[in-house]
Amino acid sequence: MANTPNTMRKNEERPGSTPFSGQRSPGEGSSMTDKARDVASSVADKTREAASSMTERAGEMASNIGDKAESATAAVGSSIRSVADSMREHAPSSGMLKSAATSVADTLDSSGRYLEETGLSGIGADLTNFVRRNPLPALMLGVGLGFLFARAMRR
């Protein structure tokens, strides 16, 4: 096919038209890139700030919950000790019932004192030490409690 004046090759331009090569001018591209980087940086900064704020709030809430749990544990310990005192006051004055009531009251008193003094963190540490010293009985206890829990949930 011969080249005629009306026929143009693919790479030639028509007079008065602008070339389209799919690229922006050098100044326009860098300006858009800079704006995109600024927006991305701003979004990243705001995301970091929000995540930091949420982390701080979660930490404060966890601390408050921990404090409330510790004070509730101390309150339960105090209540147990008052039950022990009440048992001692209302126990029979002699006989086998007096010795049984005194024994139960002493056990409740020591349990209440333990809860007041050690709190939840101390209980957790004691439980961890118990499991480390006695792994097999702890495992068997866990399996037994899991079995009982599963049976209770089935009903």
C-alpha atoms as a PDB file:
ATOM      1  CA  MET A   1       0.000   0.000   0.000  1.00  0.00           C
ATOM      2  CA  ALA A   2       1.396   3.328  -0.951  1.00  0.00           C
ATOM      3  CA  ASN A   3       1.652   6.283   1.337  1.00  0.00           C
ATOM      4  CA  THR A   4      -0.741   8.962   0.260  1.00  0.00           C
ATOM      5  CA  PRO A   5      -1.061  12.426   1.734  1.00  0.00           C
ATOM      6  CA  ASN A   6      -4.438  11.559   3.314  1.00  0.00           C
ATOM      7  CA  THR A   7      -3.144   8.458   5.020  1.00  0.00           C
ATOM      8  CA  MET A   8      -1.130   8.946   8.174  1.00  0.00           C
ATOM      9  CA  ARG A   9       1.126   6.606   9.931  1.00  0.00           C
ATOM     10  CA  LYS A  10       0.322   5.616  13.539  1.00  0.00           C
ATOM     11  CA  ASN A  11       3.036   7.761  15.089  1.00  0.00           C
ATOM     12  CA  GLU A  12       2.376  10.895  13.049  1.00  0.00           C
ATOM     13  CA  GLU A  13       0.343  13.789  14.385  1.00  0.00           C
ATOM     14  CA  ARG A  14      -2.346  15.760  12.652  1.00  0.00           C
ATOM     15  CA  PRO A  15      -1.766  19.465  12.418  1.00  0.00           C
ATOM     16  CA  GLY A  16      -3.399  21.346  15.288  1.00  0.00           C
ATOM     17  CA  SER A  17      -3.964  18.246  17.453  1.00  0.00           C
ATOM     18  CA  THR A  18      -2.152  17.404  20.685  1.00  0.00           C
ATOM     19  CA  PRO A  19      -0.255  14.192  21.005  1.00  0.00           C
ATOM     20  CA  PHE A  20      -1.558  11.576  23.430  1.00  0.00           C
ATOM     21  CA  SER A  21       1.136   9.308  24.698  1.00  0.00           C
ATOM     22  CA  GLY A  22      -0.584   8.255  27.987  1.00  0.00           C
ATOM     23  CA  GLN A  23       1.834  10.308  30.109  1.00  0.00           C
ATOM     24  CA  ARG A  24       1.404  13.584  31.916  1.00  0.00           C
ATOM     25  CA  SER A  25       3.787  16.436  31.650  1.00  0.00           C
ATOM     26  CA  PRO A  26       6.720  16.167  34.081  1.00  0.00           C
ATOM     27  CA  GLY A  27       5.481  18.969  36.360  1.00  0.00           C
ATOM     28  CA  GLU A  28       1.928  17.656  36.550  1.00  0.00           C
ATOM     29  CA  GLY A  29       2.958  14.074  37.461  1.00  0.00           C
ATOM     30  CA  SER A  30       5.274  15.045  40.297  1.00  0.00           C
ATOM     31  CA  SER A  31       2.647  17.415  41.713  1.00  0.00           C
ATOM     32  CA  MET A  32       0.031  14.635  41.763  1.00  0.00           C
ATOM     33  CA  THR A  33       2.527  12.208  43.287  1.00  0.00           C
ATOM     34  CA  ASP A  34       3.428  14.700  46.008  1.00  0.00           C
ATOM     35  CA  LYS A  35      -0.243  15.264  46.814  1.00  0.00           C
ATOM     36  CA  ALA A  36      -0.880  11.522  46.978  1.00  0.00           C
ATOM     37  CA  ARG A  37       2.096  11.050  49.275  1.00  0.00           C
ATOM     38  CA  ASP A  38       0.896  13.888  51.522  1.00  0.00           C
ATOM     39  CA  VAL A  39      -2.595  12.395  51.764  1.00  0.00           C
ATOM     40  CA  ALA A  40      -1.207   8.912  52.437  1.00  0.00           C
ATOM     41  CA  SER A  41       1.130  10.296  55.096  1.00  0.00           C
ATOM     42  CA  SER A  42      -1.715  12.218  56.727  1.00  0.00           C
ATOM     43  CA  VAL A  43      -3.948   9.137  56.757  1.00  0.00           C
ATOM     44  CA  ALA A  44      -1.145   7.028  58.209  1.00  0.00           C
ATOM     45  CA  ASP A  45      -0.486   9.606  60.950  1.00  0.00           C
ATOM     46  CA  LYS A  46      -4.174   9.799  61.873  1.00  0.00           C
ATOM     47  CA  THR A  47      -4.397   6.007  61.924  1.00  0.00           C
ATOM     48  CA  ARG A  48      -1.377   5.779  64.214  1.00  0.00           C
ATOM     49  CA  GLU A  49      -2.864   8.411  66.533  1.00  0.00           C
ATOM     50  CA  ALA A  50      -6.212   6.599  66.650  1.00  0.00           C
ATOM     51  CA  ALA A  51      -4.536   3.249  67.332  1.00  0.00           C
ATOM     52  CA  SER A  52      -2.414   4.789  70.076  1.00  0.00           C
ATOM     53  CA  SER A  53      -5.458   6.417  71.649  1.00  0.00           C
ATOM     54  CA  MET A  54      -7.398   3.157  71.519  1.00  0.00           C
ATOM     55  CA  THR A  55      -4.473   1.271  73.053  1.00  0.00           C
ATOM     56  CA  GLU A  56      -4.264   3.782  75.899  1.00  0.00           C
ATOM     57  CA  ARG A  57      -8.005   3.552  76.534  1.00  0.00           C
ATOM     58  CA  ALA A  58      -7.916  -0.236  76.499  1.00  0.00           C
ATOM     59  CA  GLY A  59      -5.024  -0.187  78.960  1.00  0.00           C
ATOM     60  CA  GLU A  60      -6.895   2.188  81.255  1.00  0.00           C
ATOM     61  CA  MET A  61     -10.035   0.036  81.083  1.00  0.00           C
ATOM     62  CA  ALA A  62      -8.063  -3.120  81.818  1.00  0.00           C
ATOM     63  CA  SER A  63      -6.388  -1.423  84.747  1.00  0.00           C
ATOM     64  CA  ASN A  64      -9.745  -0.255  86.100  1.00  0.00           C
ATOM     65  CA  ILE A  65     -11.226  -3.719  85.696  1.00  0.00           C
ATOM     66  CA  GLY A  66      -8.209  -5.241  87.431  1.00  0.00           C
ATOM     67  CA  ASP A  67      -8.508  -2.772  90.311  1.00  0.00           C
ATOM     68  CA  LYS A  68     -12.216  -3.491  90.665  1.00  0.00           C
ATOM     69  CA  ALA A  69     -11.599  -7.243  90.593  1.00  0.00           C
ATOM     70  CA  GLU A  70      -8.912  -6.922  93.275  1.00  0.00           C
ATOM     71  CA  SER A  71     -11.197  -4.851  95.491  1.00  0.00           C
ATOM     72  CA  ALA A  72     -14.080  -7.286  94.887  1.00  0.00           C
ATOM     73  CA  THR A  73     -11.819 -10.165  95.910  1.00  0.00           C
ATOM     74  CA  ALA A  74     -10.907  -8.339  99.102  1.00  0.00           C
ATOM     75  CA  ALA A  75     -14.597  -7.667  99.758  1.00  0.00           C
ATOM     76  CA  VAL A  76     -15.418 -11.357  99.281  1.00  0.00           C
ATOM     77  CA  GLY A  77     -12.609 -12.249 101.695  1.00  0.00           C
ATOM     78  CA  SER A  78     -14.003  -9.821 104.246  1.00  0.00           C
ATOM     79  CA  SER A  79     -17.494 -11.274 103.828  1.00  0.00           C
ATOM     80  CA  ILE A  80     -16.189 -14.807 104.332  1.00  0.00           C
ATOM     81  CA  ARG A  81     -14.439 -13.727 107.512  1.00  0.00           C
ATOM     82  CA  SER A  82     -17.639 -12.145 108.825  1.00  0.00           C
ATOM     83  CA  VAL A  83     -19.505 -15.414 108.124  1.00  0.00           C
ATOM     84  CA  ALA A  84     -16.823 -17.228 110.112  1.00  0.00           C
ATOM     85  CA  ASP A  85     -17.283 -14.810 113.023  1.00  0.00           C
ATOM     86  CA  SER A  86     -21.033 -15.278 112.852  1.00  0.00           C
ATOM     87  CA  MET A  87     -20.612 -19.067 112.922  1.00  0.00           C
ATOM     88  CA  ARG A  88     -18.468 -18.822 116.021  1.00  0.00           C
ATOM     89  CA  GLU A  89     -21.053 -16.646 117.784  1.00  0.00           C
ATOM     90  CA  HIS A  90     -23.988 -18.949 116.973  1.00  0.00           C
ATOM     91  CA  ALA A  91     -22.200 -22.261 117.449  1.00  0.00           C
ATOM     92  CA  PRO A  92     -23.319 -24.537 120.272  1.00  0.00           C
ATOM     93  CA  SER A  93     -21.405 -24.121 123.524  1.00  0.00           C
ATOM     94  CA  SER A  94     -20.233 -27.734 123.747  1.00  0.00           C
ATOM     95  CA  GLY A  95     -20.159 -31.084 122.005  1.00  0.00           C
ATOM     96  CA  MET A  96     -19.315 -32.380 118.611  1.00  0.00           C
ATOM     97  CA  LEU A  97     -21.272 -29.612 116.823  1.00  0.00           C
ATOM     98  CA  LYS A  98     -19.148 -26.972 118.566  1.00  0.00           C
ATOM     99  CA  SER A  99     -15.903 -28.555 117.384  1.00  0.00           C
ATOM    100  CA  ALA A 100     -17.269 -28.959 113.824  1.00  0.00           C
ATOM    101  CA  ALA A 101     -18.541 -25.372 113.725  1.00  0.00           C
ATOM    102  CA  THR A 102     -15.253 -24.079 115.131  1.00  0.00           C
ATOM    103  CA  SER A 103     -13.284 -26.048 112.552  1.00  0.00           C
ATOM    104  CA  VAL A 104     -15.424 -24.730 109.676  1.00  0.00           C
ATOM    105  CA  ALA A 105     -15.215 -21.172 111.056  1.00  0.00           C
ATOM    106  CA  ASP A 106     -11.422 -21.411 111.319  1.00  0.00           C
ATOM    107  CA  THR A 107     -11.185 -22.661 107.744  1.00  0.00           C
ATOM    108  CA  LEU A 108     -13.471 -19.872 106.506  1.00  0.00           C
ATOM    109  CA  ASP A 109     -11.492 -17.302 108.479  1.00  0.00           C
ATOM    110  CA  SER A 110      -8.172 -18.411 107.007  1.00  0.00           C
ATOM    111  CA  SER A 111      -9.690 -18.522 103.498  1.00  0.00           C
ATOM    112  CA  GLY A 112     -11.083 -15.019 103.898  1.00  0.00           C
ATOM    113  CA  ARG A 113      -7.762 -13.720 105.173  1.00  0.00           C
ATOM    114  CA  TYR A 114      -5.989 -15.363 102.210  1.00  0.00           C
ATOM    115  CA  LEU A 115      -8.362 -13.650  99.752  1.00  0.00           C
ATOM    116  CA  GLU A 116      -7.957 -10.276 101.441  1.00  0.00           C
ATOM    117  CA  GLU A 117      -4.173 -10.426 101.567  1.00  0.00           C
ATOM    118  CA  THR A 118      -3.238 -12.030  98.251  1.00  0.00           C
ATOM    119  CA  GLY A 119      -5.990 -10.905  95.858  1.00  0.00           C
ATOM    120  CA  LEU A 120      -6.466 -12.244  92.359  1.00  0.00           C
ATOM    121  CA  SER A 121      -2.864 -11.785  91.254  1.00  0.00           C
ATOM    122  CA  GLY A 122      -1.635 -13.810  94.224  1.00  0.00           C
ATOM    123  CA  ILE A 123      -4.194 -16.521  93.552  1.00  0.00           C
ATOM    124  CA  GLY A 124      -3.048 -16.708  89.935  1.00  0.00           C
ATOM    125  CA  ALA A 125       0.593 -16.988  90.985  1.00  0.00           C
ATOM    126  CA  ASP A 126      -0.228 -19.695  93.543  1.00  0.00           C
ATOM    127  CA  LEU A 127      -2.266 -21.632  90.989  1.00  0.00           C
ATOM    128  CA  THR A 128       0.565 -21.413  88.465  1.00  0.00           C
ATOM    129  CA  ASN A 129       3.055 -22.707  91.028  1.00  0.00           C
ATOM    130  CA  PHE A 130       0.704 -25.553  91.970  1.00  0.00           C
ATOM    131  CA  VAL A 131       0.366 -26.656  88.339  1.00  0.00           C
ATOM    132  CA  ARG A 132       4.150 -26.521  87.856  1.00  0.00           C
ATOM    133  CA  ARG A 133       4.768 -28.648  90.939  1.00  0.00           C
ATOM    134  CA  ASN A 134       1.920 -31.104  90.223  1.00  0.00           C
ATOM    135  CA  PRO A 135       1.325 -31.307  86.471  1.00  0.00           C
ATOM    136  CA  LEU A 136      -0.390 -34.701  86.315  1.00  0.00           C
ATOM    137  CA  PRO A 137      -2.956 -34.071  89.076  1.00  0.00           C
ATOM    138  CA  ALA A 138      -3.631 -30.621  87.594  1.00  0.00           C
ATOM    139  CA  LEU A 139      -4.205 -32.161  84.169  1.00  0.00           C
ATOM    140  CA  MET A 140      -6.551 -34.780  85.608  1.00  0.00           C
ATOM    141  CA  LEU A 141      -8.426 -32.100  87.535  1.00  0.00           C
ATOM    142  CA  GLY A 142      -8.778 -30.038  84.362  1.00  0.00           C
ATOM    143  CA  VAL A 143     -10.095 -33.009  82.387  1.00  0.00           C
ATOM    144  CA  GLY A 144     -12.558 -33.855  85.167  1.00  0.00           C
ATOM    145  CA  LEU A 145     -13.813 -30.273  85.394  1.00  0.00           C
ATOM    146  CA  GLY A 146     -14.121 -30.128  81.605  1.00  0.00           C
ATOM    147  CA  PHE A 147     -16.157 -33.331  81.612  1.00  0.00           C
ATOM    148  CA  LEU A 148     -18.488 -32.013  84.330  1.00  0.00           C
ATOM    149  CA  PHE A 149     -18.840 -28.692  82.545  1.00  0.00           C
ATOM    150  CA  ALA A 150     -19.676 -30.425  79.247  1.00  0.00           C
ATOM    151  CA  ARG A 151     -22.336 -32.574  80.955  1.00  0.00           C
ATOM    152  CA  ALA A 152     -23.840 -29.523  82.624  1.00  0.00           C
ATOM    153  CA  MET A 153     -23.970 -27.644  79.312  1.00  0.00           C
ATOM    154  CA  ARG A 154     -25.609 -30.563  77.504  1.00  0.00           C
ATOM    155  CA  ARG A 155     -28.647 -30.453  79.843  1.00  0.00           C
END
